[in-house]
Amino acid sequence: MITEMQLEGYSVARACELSRVSRAGFYRQWVEKAPRQFDAALRDAMQRIALENRCYGYRRVTETLKQQGWEVNHKRIARMLREDNLLSLRRRLFVVTTDSRHSFRIYPNLARQMILTAPNQLWVADITYIRLADVFVYLGVILDAFSRRVVGWELDSHLTTPLVLSALQQALACRTVTANIVHHSDRGVQYCSGDYVGLLQEHGFTISMSRPGNPWDNATCESFMKTLKAEEVYLKQYRDIDDARTNLSEFLDNVYNRRRLHSALAYRSPEAFERATAVALSSRTEATA
């Protein structure tokens, strides 16, 4: 693709001649790609501002964008923050927009009262955006809340139930599942769907969901998403979804789970924390035998 930078110093006709493309083909590609790239870049900038300034509503986000050189108005930003699943914050309340306008059953929040002592007591699930060159793809993850370990994840171009189902199936395949593990998520239609709830019930999970407008009920996932964006996504420019999947696999499976030190885990990785917990539980059992 001919970019604006490549056109510097050349006429369109000369650039097309050197690149062996027709002028009609160039203009057709430019018209198709440029708006999509602009929208993707704008959404990415909005998400960064919202993450870094958690007290900002759409007016402050708009002004910050203008200071960065974006030509946008507050109505467009308000609409995009409302329609997209981007992080934004109202005064006193951190809001993640979620499509909870559905007729599926909603489950009460059980996770708030839990005191975790071992893995496989509470799994938490969430979805976030990952930006490619001119589109967004979606990452669904499941974490073991005790160790912060990513036990299942999936990347897809569509924000649909199969995305979260695939992440759950991966988690079920890699963990020894016992009855009554609490599965906690938001009230989004993907997590409330019959297929997803049915798979949870088939494996004996107890279902828990955040209160409306309270994403802090899923603070473990919120913290993980911030780490993911800061330490992986914002440092890379993924060529396409396959490139994103390769890089995310390396980060999630090898860096985050096995090597990254967490202050909440006494500066151990999730994998090391689970091993240490297993040793401590085994020693305790032997001592009381």
C-alpha atoms as a PDB file:
ATOM      1  CA  MET A   1       0.000   0.000   0.000  1.00  0.00           C
ATOM      2  CA  ILE A   2       1.224   3.527  -0.837  1.00  0.00           C
ATOM      3  CA  THR A   3       1.295   5.644   2.300  1.00  0.00           C
ATOM      4  CA  GLU A   4       1.346   9.408   2.718  1.00  0.00           C
ATOM      5  CA  MET A   5       5.002   9.265   3.748  1.00  0.00           C
ATOM      6  CA  GLN A   6       5.939   7.353   0.626  1.00  0.00           C
ATOM      7  CA  LEU A   7       4.227  10.048  -1.454  1.00  0.00           C
ATOM      8  CA  GLU A   8       6.377  12.861  -0.054  1.00  0.00           C
ATOM      9  CA  GLY A   9       8.383  14.412  -2.875  1.00  0.00           C
ATOM     10  CA  TYR A  10       6.458  12.612  -5.612  1.00  0.00           C
ATOM     11  CA  SER A  11       3.293  13.334  -7.516  1.00  0.00           C
ATOM     12  CA  VAL A  12       0.545  10.715  -7.289  1.00  0.00           C
ATOM     13  CA  ALA A  13       1.109   9.869 -10.937  1.00  0.00           C
ATOM     14  CA  ARG A  14       4.876   9.337 -10.436  1.00  0.00           C
ATOM     15  CA  ALA A  15       4.371   7.299  -7.263  1.00  0.00           C
ATOM     16  CA  CYS A  16       1.845   5.078  -9.038  1.00  0.00           C
ATOM     17  CA  GLU A  17       4.226   4.649 -11.964  1.00  0.00           C
ATOM     18  CA  LEU A  18       7.096   3.612  -9.675  1.00  0.00           C
ATOM     19  CA  SER A  19       4.839   1.237  -7.735  1.00  0.00           C
ATOM     20  CA  ARG A  20       3.266  -0.177 -10.899  1.00  0.00           C
ATOM     21  CA  VAL A  21      -0.290   0.452  -9.787  1.00  0.00           C
ATOM     22  CA  SER A  22      -3.022   2.361 -11.558  1.00  0.00           C
ATOM     23  CA  ARG A  23      -4.101   5.752 -10.271  1.00  0.00           C
ATOM     24  CA  ALA A  24      -7.654   4.449 -10.006  1.00  0.00           C
ATOM     25  CA  GLY A  25      -6.450   1.523  -7.920  1.00  0.00           C
ATOM     26  CA  PHE A  26      -4.429   3.846  -5.685  1.00  0.00           C
ATOM     27  CA  TYR A  27      -7.345   6.176  -4.994  1.00  0.00           C
ATOM     28  CA  ARG A  28      -9.719   3.273  -4.426  1.00  0.00           C
ATOM     29  CA  GLN A  29      -7.381   1.738  -1.834  1.00  0.00           C
ATOM     30  CA  TRP A  30      -6.680   5.092  -0.196  1.00  0.00           C
ATOM     31  CA  VAL A  31     -10.378   5.898   0.206  1.00  0.00           C
ATOM     32  CA  GLU A  32     -11.072   2.431   1.651  1.00  0.00           C
ATOM     33  CA  LYS A  33      -8.134   2.276   4.073  1.00  0.00           C
ATOM     34  CA  ALA A  34      -7.592   5.832   5.326  1.00  0.00           C
ATOM     35  CA  PRO A  35     -10.896   6.259   7.240  1.00  0.00           C
ATOM     36  CA  ARG A  36     -10.539   2.846   8.893  1.00  0.00           C
ATOM     37  CA  GLN A  37      -6.987   3.625   9.974  1.00  0.00           C
ATOM     38  CA  PHE A  38      -8.083   7.002  11.359  1.00  0.00           C
ATOM     39  CA  ASP A  39     -10.938   5.454  13.365  1.00  0.00           C
ATOM     40  CA  ALA A  40      -8.684   2.710  14.748  1.00  0.00           C
ATOM     41  CA  ALA A  41      -6.004   5.231  15.732  1.00  0.00           C
ATOM     42  CA  LEU A  42      -8.612   7.482  17.361  1.00  0.00           C
ATOM     43  CA  ARG A  43     -10.100   4.621  19.392  1.00  0.00           C
ATOM     44  CA  ASP A  44      -6.618   3.587  20.476  1.00  0.00           C
ATOM     45  CA  ALA A  45      -5.813   7.141  21.613  1.00  0.00           C
ATOM     46  CA  MET A  46      -9.120   7.324  23.514  1.00  0.00           C
ATOM     47  CA  GLN A  47      -8.403   4.085  25.371  1.00  0.00           C
ATOM     48  CA  ARG A  48      -4.922   5.220  26.387  1.00  0.00           C
ATOM     49  CA  ILE A  49      -6.257   8.510  27.745  1.00  0.00           C
ATOM     50  CA  ALA A  50      -9.051   6.778  29.688  1.00  0.00           C
ATOM     51  CA  LEU A  51      -6.627   4.270  31.241  1.00  0.00           C
ATOM     52  CA  GLU A  52      -4.134   6.949  32.253  1.00  0.00           C
ATOM     53  CA  ASN A  53      -6.774   9.398  33.536  1.00  0.00           C
ATOM     54  CA  ARG A  54      -9.442   7.386  35.300  1.00  0.00           C
ATOM     55  CA  CYS A  55     -11.429  10.437  36.409  1.00  0.00           C
ATOM     56  CA  TYR A  56     -11.954  11.741  32.873  1.00  0.00           C
ATOM     57  CA  GLY A  57     -15.376  11.784  31.245  1.00  0.00           C
ATOM     58  CA  TYR A  58     -15.986  12.383  27.549  1.00  0.00           C
ATOM     59  CA  ARG A  59     -15.371  16.165  27.756  1.00  0.00           C
ATOM     60  CA  ARG A  60     -11.899  15.812  29.258  1.00  0.00           C
ATOM     61  CA  VAL A  61     -11.087  12.932  26.922  1.00  0.00           C
ATOM     62  CA  THR A  62     -12.093  15.167  23.999  1.00  0.00           C
ATOM     63  CA  GLU A  63      -9.949  18.065  25.189  1.00  0.00           C
ATOM     64  CA  THR A  64      -6.956  15.794  25.727  1.00  0.00           C
ATOM     65  CA  LEU A  65      -7.365  14.420  22.211  1.00  0.00           C
ATOM     66  CA  LYS A  66      -7.476  17.974  20.832  1.00  0.00           C
ATOM     67  CA  GLN A  67      -4.270  18.834  22.687  1.00  0.00           C
ATOM     68  CA  GLN A  68      -2.675  15.815  21.021  1.00  0.00           C
ATOM     69  CA  GLY A  69      -3.669  17.172  17.608  1.00  0.00           C
ATOM     70  CA  TRP A  70      -6.900  15.290  16.908  1.00  0.00           C
ATOM     71  CA  GLU A  71      -9.725  17.197  15.217  1.00  0.00           C
ATOM     72  CA  VAL A  72     -12.744  15.761  17.029  1.00  0.00           C
ATOM     73  CA  ASN A  73     -15.789  17.095  18.850  1.00  0.00           C
ATOM     74  CA  HIS A  74     -17.227  15.988  22.158  1.00  0.00           C
ATOM     75  CA  LYS A  75     -20.402  14.546  20.608  1.00  0.00           C
ATOM     76  CA  ARG A  76     -18.423  12.092  18.533  1.00  0.00           C
ATOM     77  CA  ILE A  77     -16.259  11.078  21.496  1.00  0.00           C
ATOM     78  CA  ALA A  78     -19.314  10.636  23.736  1.00  0.00           C
ATOM     79  CA  ARG A  79     -20.975   8.465  21.096  1.00  0.00           C
ATOM     80  CA  MET A  80     -17.858   6.350  20.535  1.00  0.00           C
ATOM     81  CA  LEU A  81     -17.276   5.878  24.276  1.00  0.00           C
ATOM     82  CA  ARG A  82     -20.879   4.787  24.655  1.00  0.00           C
ATOM     83  CA  GLU A  83     -20.998   2.483  21.632  1.00  0.00           C
ATOM     84  CA  ASP A  84     -17.508   0.984  21.912  1.00  0.00           C
ATOM     85  CA  ASN A  85     -16.315  -1.131  24.786  1.00  0.00           C
ATOM     86  CA  LEU A  86     -13.672   1.441  25.694  1.00  0.00           C
ATOM     87  CA  LEU A  87     -12.721   2.393  29.217  1.00  0.00           C
ATOM     88  CA  SER A  88     -14.176   5.666  30.416  1.00  0.00           C
ATOM     89  CA  LEU A  89     -14.804   7.146  33.815  1.00  0.00           C
ATOM     90  CA  ARG A  90     -17.629   9.251  35.111  1.00  0.00           C
ATOM     91  CA  ARG A  91     -17.087  11.367  38.194  1.00  0.00           C
ATOM     92  CA  ARG A  92     -16.602   8.919  41.110  1.00  0.00           C
ATOM     93  CA  LEU A  93     -17.357   5.836  38.982  1.00  0.00           C
ATOM     94  CA  PHE A  94     -15.129   3.815  36.673  1.00  0.00           C
ATOM     95  CA  VAL A  95     -17.416   2.545  33.937  1.00  0.00           C
ATOM     96  CA  VAL A  96     -16.807  -0.175  31.378  1.00  0.00           C
ATOM     97  CA  THR A  97     -19.608  -0.198  28.817  1.00  0.00           C
ATOM     98  CA  THR A  98     -21.048  -3.712  28.469  1.00  0.00           C
ATOM     99  CA  ASP A  99     -23.965  -4.962  26.408  1.00  0.00           C
ATOM    100  CA  SER A 100     -26.201  -6.192  29.227  1.00  0.00           C
ATOM    101  CA  ARG A 101     -29.446  -5.375  27.418  1.00  0.00           C
ATOM    102  CA  HIS A 102     -30.627  -8.942  26.975  1.00  0.00           C
ATOM    103  CA  SER A 103     -33.223 -11.356  28.300  1.00  0.00           C
ATOM    104  CA  PHE A 104     -30.833 -13.960  29.691  1.00  0.00           C
ATOM    105  CA  ARG A 105     -30.708 -14.726  33.405  1.00  0.00           C
ATOM    106  CA  ILE A 106     -28.467 -12.523  35.578  1.00  0.00           C
ATOM    107  CA  TYR A 107     -26.638 -14.121  38.526  1.00  0.00           C
ATOM    108  CA  PRO A 108     -25.760 -12.466  41.879  1.00  0.00           C
ATOM    109  CA  ASN A 109     -22.251 -11.373  42.787  1.00  0.00           C
ATOM    110  CA  LEU A 110     -20.667 -14.101  44.923  1.00  0.00           C
ATOM    111  CA  ALA A 111     -17.029 -13.149  44.398  1.00  0.00           C
ATOM    112  CA  ARG A 112     -17.037 -10.093  46.683  1.00  0.00           C
ATOM    113  CA  GLN A 113     -17.303 -12.164  49.848  1.00  0.00           C
ATOM    114  CA  MET A 114     -14.773 -14.844  48.942  1.00  0.00           C
ATOM    115  CA  ILE A 115     -11.479 -15.300  50.784  1.00  0.00           C
ATOM    116  CA  LEU A 116      -9.194 -17.301  48.508  1.00  0.00           C
ATOM    117  CA  THR A 117      -6.783 -19.868  49.902  1.00  0.00           C
ATOM    118  CA  ALA A 118      -5.872 -21.957  46.842  1.00  0.00           C
ATOM    119  CA  PRO A 119      -6.212 -22.132  43.046  1.00  0.00           C
ATOM    120  CA  ASN A 120      -9.460 -23.273  41.404  1.00  0.00           C
ATOM    121  CA  GLN A 121     -11.725 -21.468  43.853  1.00  0.00           C
ATOM    122  CA  LEU A 122     -12.535 -18.405  41.734  1.00  0.00           C
ATOM    123  CA  TRP A 123     -12.099 -17.873  37.981  1.00  0.00           C
ATOM    124  CA  VAL A 124     -12.638 -14.388  36.563  1.00  0.00           C
ATOM    125  CA  ALA A 125     -13.348 -13.584  32.913  1.00  0.00           C
ATOM    126  CA  ASP A 126     -13.316 -10.457  30.774  1.00  0.00           C
ATOM    127  CA  ILE A 127     -12.915  -9.118  27.213  1.00  0.00           C
ATOM    128  CA  THR A 128     -10.787  -6.270  25.857  1.00  0.00           C
ATOM    129  CA  TYR A 129      -9.840  -4.635  22.561  1.00  0.00           C
ATOM    130  CA  ILE A 130      -6.539  -5.209  20.780  1.00  0.00           C
ATOM    131  CA  ARG A 131      -5.728  -2.744  18.016  1.00  0.00           C
ATOM    132  CA  LEU A 132      -4.351  -3.832  14.638  1.00  0.00           C
ATOM    133  CA  ALA A 133      -3.444  -1.386  11.847  1.00  0.00           C
ATOM    134  CA  ASP A 134      -6.979  -0.419  10.883  1.00  0.00           C
ATOM    135  CA  VAL A 135      -9.340  -2.627  12.898  1.00  0.00           C
ATOM    136  CA  PHE A 136      -9.828  -3.920  16.419  1.00  0.00           C
ATOM    137  CA  VAL A 137      -9.833  -7.568  17.433  1.00  0.00           C
ATOM    138  CA  TYR A 138     -11.053  -8.915  20.743  1.00  0.00           C
ATOM    139  CA  LEU A 139      -9.271 -10.849  23.476  1.00  0.00           C
ATOM    140  CA  GLY A 140     -11.253 -12.968  25.907  1.00  0.00           C
ATOM    141  CA  VAL A 141      -9.383 -14.176  29.002  1.00  0.00           C
ATOM    142  CA  ILE A 142     -10.002 -16.304  32.080  1.00  0.00           C
ATOM    143  CA  LEU A 143      -7.783 -15.909  35.140  1.00  0.00           C
ATOM    144  CA  ASP A 144      -7.508 -17.902  38.317  1.00  0.00           C
ATOM    145  CA  ALA A 145      -8.103 -15.072  40.804  1.00  0.00           C
ATOM    146  CA  PHE A 146      -5.961 -16.662  43.527  1.00  0.00           C
ATOM    147  CA  SER A 147      -2.722 -16.718  41.511  1.00  0.00           C
ATOM    148  CA  ARG A 148      -3.637 -14.225  38.727  1.00  0.00           C
ATOM    149  CA  ARG A 149      -2.669 -16.960  36.264  1.00  0.00           C
ATOM    150  CA  VAL A 150      -4.175 -16.839  32.767  1.00  0.00           C
ATOM    151  CA  VAL A 151      -5.791 -20.253  32.399  1.00  0.00           C
ATOM    152  CA  GLY A 152      -7.619 -19.638  29.128  1.00  0.00           C
ATOM    153  CA  TRP A 153      -7.705 -17.045  26.344  1.00  0.00           C
ATOM    154  CA  GLU A 154      -8.857 -16.528  22.776  1.00  0.00           C
ATOM    155  CA  LEU A 155      -8.435 -13.846  20.126  1.00  0.00           C
ATOM    156  CA  ASP A 156     -11.042 -13.222  17.437  1.00  0.00           C
ATOM    157  CA  SER A 157     -12.254 -10.548  15.041  1.00  0.00           C
ATOM    158  CA  HIS A 158     -15.817 -10.779  16.369  1.00  0.00           C
ATOM    159  CA  LEU A 159     -17.177  -9.914  19.810  1.00  0.00           C
ATOM    160  CA  THR A 160     -19.467 -12.933  20.053  1.00  0.00           C
ATOM    161  CA  THR A 161     -20.158 -15.908  22.313  1.00  0.00           C
ATOM    162  CA  PRO A 162     -17.711 -18.262  20.480  1.00  0.00           C
ATOM    163  CA  LEU A 163     -14.863 -15.976  21.608  1.00  0.00           C
ATOM    164  CA  VAL A 164     -15.520 -16.509  25.312  1.00  0.00           C
ATOM    165  CA  LEU A 165     -16.545 -20.141  24.798  1.00  0.00           C
ATOM    166  CA  SER A 166     -13.172 -20.897  23.239  1.00  0.00           C
ATOM    167  CA  ALA A 167     -11.348 -19.235  26.147  1.00  0.00           C
ATOM    168  CA  LEU A 168     -13.407 -21.285  28.622  1.00  0.00           C
ATOM    169  CA  GLN A 169     -12.794 -24.533  26.738  1.00  0.00           C
ATOM    170  CA  GLN A 170      -9.053 -23.849  26.817  1.00  0.00           C
ATOM    171  CA  ALA A 171      -9.208 -23.273  30.569  1.00  0.00           C
ATOM    172  CA  LEU A 172     -11.163 -26.492  31.086  1.00  0.00           C
ATOM    173  CA  ALA A 173      -8.568 -28.403  29.066  1.00  0.00           C
ATOM    174  CA  CYS A 174      -5.562 -27.129  31.021  1.00  0.00           C
ATOM    175  CA  ARG A 175      -6.928 -27.269  34.587  1.00  0.00           C
ATOM    176  CA  THR A 176      -8.249 -30.069  36.768  1.00  0.00           C
ATOM    177  CA  VAL A 177     -11.788 -28.862  37.350  1.00  0.00           C
ATOM    178  CA  THR A 178     -13.626 -29.624  40.581  1.00  0.00           C
ATOM    179  CA  ALA A 179     -17.236 -28.860  41.429  1.00  0.00           C
ATOM    180  CA  ASN A 180     -18.324 -25.453  42.737  1.00  0.00           C
ATOM    181  CA  ILE A 181     -15.541 -23.294  41.309  1.00  0.00           C
ATOM    182  CA  VAL A 182     -17.020 -19.789  41.179  1.00  0.00           C
ATOM    183  CA  HIS A 183     -16.919 -18.272  37.696  1.00  0.00           C
ATOM    184  CA  HIS A 184     -17.206 -14.474  37.791  1.00  0.00           C
ATOM    185  CA  SER A 185     -17.774 -12.109  34.856  1.00  0.00           C
ATOM    186  CA  ASP A 186     -19.691  -8.996  33.906  1.00  0.00           C
ATOM    187  CA  ARG A 187     -23.299  -9.160  32.708  1.00  0.00           C
ATOM    188  CA  GLY A 188     -22.445  -9.066  29.019  1.00  0.00           C
ATOM    189  CA  VAL A 189     -24.571 -11.077  26.645  1.00  0.00           C
ATOM    190  CA  GLN A 190     -21.636 -13.354  25.790  1.00  0.00           C
ATOM    191  CA  TYR A 191     -21.312 -14.580  29.393  1.00  0.00           C
ATOM    192  CA  CYS A 192     -25.075 -14.835  29.933  1.00  0.00           C
ATOM    193  CA  SER A 193     -25.776 -16.774  26.742  1.00  0.00           C
ATOM    194  CA  GLY A 194     -27.276 -20.229  26.939  1.00  0.00           C
ATOM    195  CA  ASP A 195     -24.224 -21.914  25.403  1.00  0.00           C
ATOM    196  CA  TYR A 196     -21.785 -20.337  27.865  1.00  0.00           C
ATOM    197  CA  VAL A 197     -23.922 -20.844  30.972  1.00  0.00           C
ATOM    198  CA  GLY A 198     -24.669 -24.403  29.860  1.00  0.00           C
ATOM    199  CA  LEU A 199     -20.983 -25.262  29.618  1.00  0.00           C
ATOM    200  CA  LEU A 200     -20.358 -23.820  33.083  1.00  0.00           C
ATOM    201  CA  GLN A 201     -23.230 -25.793  34.583  1.00  0.00           C
ATOM    202  CA  GLU A 202     -22.102 -28.958  32.804  1.00  0.00           C
ATOM    203  CA  HIS A 203     -18.798 -28.747  34.691  1.00  0.00           C
ATOM    204  CA  GLY A 204     -20.324 -27.849  38.054  1.00  0.00           C
ATOM    205  CA  PHE A 205     -19.386 -24.146  38.224  1.00  0.00           C
ATOM    206  CA  THR A 206     -21.175 -21.692  40.485  1.00  0.00           C
ATOM    207  CA  ILE A 207     -21.941 -18.563  38.429  1.00  0.00           C
ATOM    208  CA  SER A 208     -21.300 -15.043  39.704  1.00  0.00           C
ATOM    209  CA  MET A 209     -21.678 -11.687  37.932  1.00  0.00           C
ATOM    210  CA  SER A 210     -20.733  -8.092  38.689  1.00  0.00           C
ATOM    211  CA  ARG A 211     -23.304  -5.591  39.828  1.00  0.00           C
ATOM    212  CA  PRO A 212     -24.486  -3.179  37.122  1.00  0.00           C
ATOM    213  CA  GLY A 213     -22.060  -0.301  36.631  1.00  0.00           C
ATOM    214  CA  ASN A 214     -19.474  -1.807  39.013  1.00  0.00           C
ATOM    215  CA  PRO A 215     -16.474  -3.103  37.022  1.00  0.00           C
ATOM    216  CA  TRP A 216     -14.412  -2.923  40.217  1.00  0.00           C
ATOM    217  CA  ASP A 217     -16.296  -6.109  41.148  1.00  0.00           C
ATOM    218  CA  ASN A 218     -13.908  -7.705  38.641  1.00  0.00           C
ATOM    219  CA  ALA A 219     -10.819  -5.775  39.771  1.00  0.00           C
ATOM    220  CA  THR A 220      -8.446  -8.707  39.187  1.00  0.00           C
ATOM    221  CA  CYS A 221      -9.273  -8.730  35.477  1.00  0.00           C
ATOM    222  CA  GLU A 222      -9.154  -4.929  35.289  1.00  0.00           C
ATOM    223  CA  SER A 223      -5.629  -4.976  36.757  1.00  0.00           C
ATOM    224  CA  PHE A 224      -4.567  -7.717  34.360  1.00  0.00           C
ATOM    225  CA  MET A 225      -5.876  -5.802  31.325  1.00  0.00           C
ATOM    226  CA  LYS A 226      -3.922  -2.711  32.358  1.00  0.00           C
ATOM    227  CA  THR A 227      -0.742  -4.796  32.670  1.00  0.00           C
ATOM    228  CA  LEU A 228      -1.370  -6.456  29.305  1.00  0.00           C
ATOM    229  CA  LYS A 229      -1.816  -3.125  27.522  1.00  0.00           C
ATOM    230  CA  ALA A 230       1.170  -1.427  29.186  1.00  0.00           C
ATOM    231  CA  GLU A 231       3.664  -4.296  28.917  1.00  0.00           C
ATOM    232  CA  GLU A 232       2.670  -5.899  25.603  1.00  0.00           C
ATOM    233  CA  VAL A 233      -0.012  -4.308  23.417  1.00  0.00           C
ATOM    234  CA  TYR A 234       1.161  -0.689  23.501  1.00  0.00           C
ATOM    235  CA  LEU A 235       4.740  -1.762  22.768  1.00  0.00           C
ATOM    236  CA  LYS A 236       3.867  -3.647  19.572  1.00  0.00           C
ATOM    237  CA  GLN A 237       2.408  -2.942  16.151  1.00  0.00           C
ATOM    238  CA  TYR A 238       0.739  -6.164  15.080  1.00  0.00           C
ATOM    239  CA  ARG A 239       0.608  -6.798  11.324  1.00  0.00           C
ATOM    240  CA  ASP A 240      -2.582  -8.847  11.450  1.00  0.00           C
ATOM    241  CA  ILE A 241      -4.556 -11.109  13.773  1.00  0.00           C
ATOM    242  CA  ASP A 242      -2.118 -14.012  13.312  1.00  0.00           C
ATOM    243  CA  ASP A 243       0.821 -11.808  14.302  1.00  0.00           C
ATOM    244  CA  ALA A 244      -1.153 -10.568  17.318  1.00  0.00           C
ATOM    245  CA  ARG A 245      -1.991 -14.134  18.339  1.00  0.00           C
ATOM    246  CA  THR A 246       1.673 -15.202  18.136  1.00  0.00           C
ATOM    247  CA  ASN A 247       2.886 -12.271  20.234  1.00  0.00           C
ATOM    248  CA  LEU A 248       0.076 -12.577  22.778  1.00  0.00           C
ATOM    249  CA  SER A 249       0.736 -16.294  23.168  1.00  0.00           C
ATOM    250  CA  GLU A 250       4.380 -15.586  23.992  1.00  0.00           C
ATOM    251  CA  PHE A 251       3.471 -12.854  26.482  1.00  0.00           C
ATOM    252  CA  LEU A 252       0.582 -14.612  28.233  1.00  0.00           C
ATOM    253  CA  ASP A 253       1.977 -18.135  28.404  1.00  0.00           C
ATOM    254  CA  ASN A 254       5.691 -17.526  28.835  1.00  0.00           C
ATOM    255  CA  VAL A 255       6.179 -14.002  30.183  1.00  0.00           C
ATOM    256  CA  TYR A 256       3.113 -13.214  32.274  1.00  0.00           C
ATOM    257  CA  ASN A 257       2.365 -16.666  33.689  1.00  0.00           C
ATOM    258  CA  ARG A 258       5.926 -17.917  34.138  1.00  0.00           C
ATOM    259  CA  ARG A 259       8.249 -14.960  34.631  1.00  0.00           C
ATOM    260  CA  ARG A 260       6.460 -11.728  35.529  1.00  0.00           C
ATOM    261  CA  LEU A 261       6.712 -10.899  39.245  1.00  0.00           C
ATOM    262  CA  HIS A 262       3.519  -9.687  40.942  1.00  0.00           C
ATOM    263  CA  SER A 263       3.624  -7.553  44.062  1.00  0.00           C
ATOM    264  CA  ALA A 264       0.303  -9.112  45.165  1.00  0.00           C
ATOM    265  CA  LEU A 265       1.979 -12.556  45.010  1.00  0.00           C
ATOM    266  CA  ALA A 266       4.977 -11.602  47.170  1.00  0.00           C
ATOM    267  CA  TYR A 267       6.929 -10.853  43.978  1.00  0.00           C
ATOM    268  CA  ARG A 268       6.513 -14.267  42.428  1.00  0.00           C
ATOM    269  CA  SER A 269       5.090 -15.253  39.070  1.00  0.00           C
ATOM    270  CA  PRO A 270       1.627 -16.872  38.959  1.00  0.00           C
ATOM    271  CA  GLU A 271       3.176 -20.243  38.149  1.00  0.00           C
ATOM    272  CA  ALA A 272       5.735 -19.986  40.982  1.00  0.00           C
ATOM    273  CA  PHE A 273       3.038 -18.820  43.405  1.00  0.00           C
ATOM    274  CA  GLU A 274       0.877 -21.844  42.617  1.00  0.00           C
ATOM    275  CA  ARG A 275       3.840 -24.189  43.097  1.00  0.00           C
ATOM    276  CA  ALA A 276       4.687 -22.613  46.454  1.00  0.00           C
ATOM    277  CA  THR A 277       1.049 -22.862  47.541  1.00  0.00           C
ATOM    278  CA  ALA A 278       0.897 -26.539  46.579  1.00  0.00           C
ATOM    279  CA  VAL A 279       4.049 -27.266  48.610  1.00  0.00           C
ATOM    280  CA  ALA A 280       2.690 -25.384  51.638  1.00  0.00           C
ATOM    281  CA  LEU A 281      -0.663 -27.184  51.479  1.00  0.00           C
ATOM    282  CA  SER A 282       1.045 -30.549  51.150  1.00  0.00           C
ATOM    283  CA  SER A 283       3.290 -29.854  54.146  1.00  0.00           C
ATOM    284  CA  ARG A 284       0.289 -28.761  56.187  1.00  0.00           C
ATOM    285  CA  THR A 285      -1.594 -31.929  55.284  1.00  0.00           C
ATOM    286  CA  GLU A 286       1.348 -34.139  56.244  1.00  0.00           C
ATOM    287  CA  ALA A 287       1.753 -32.319  59.541  1.00  0.00           C
ATOM    288  CA  THR A 288      -1.865 -32.959  60.504  1.00  0.00           C
ATOM    289  CA  ALA A 289      -1.943 -36.565  59.263  1.00  0.00           C
END
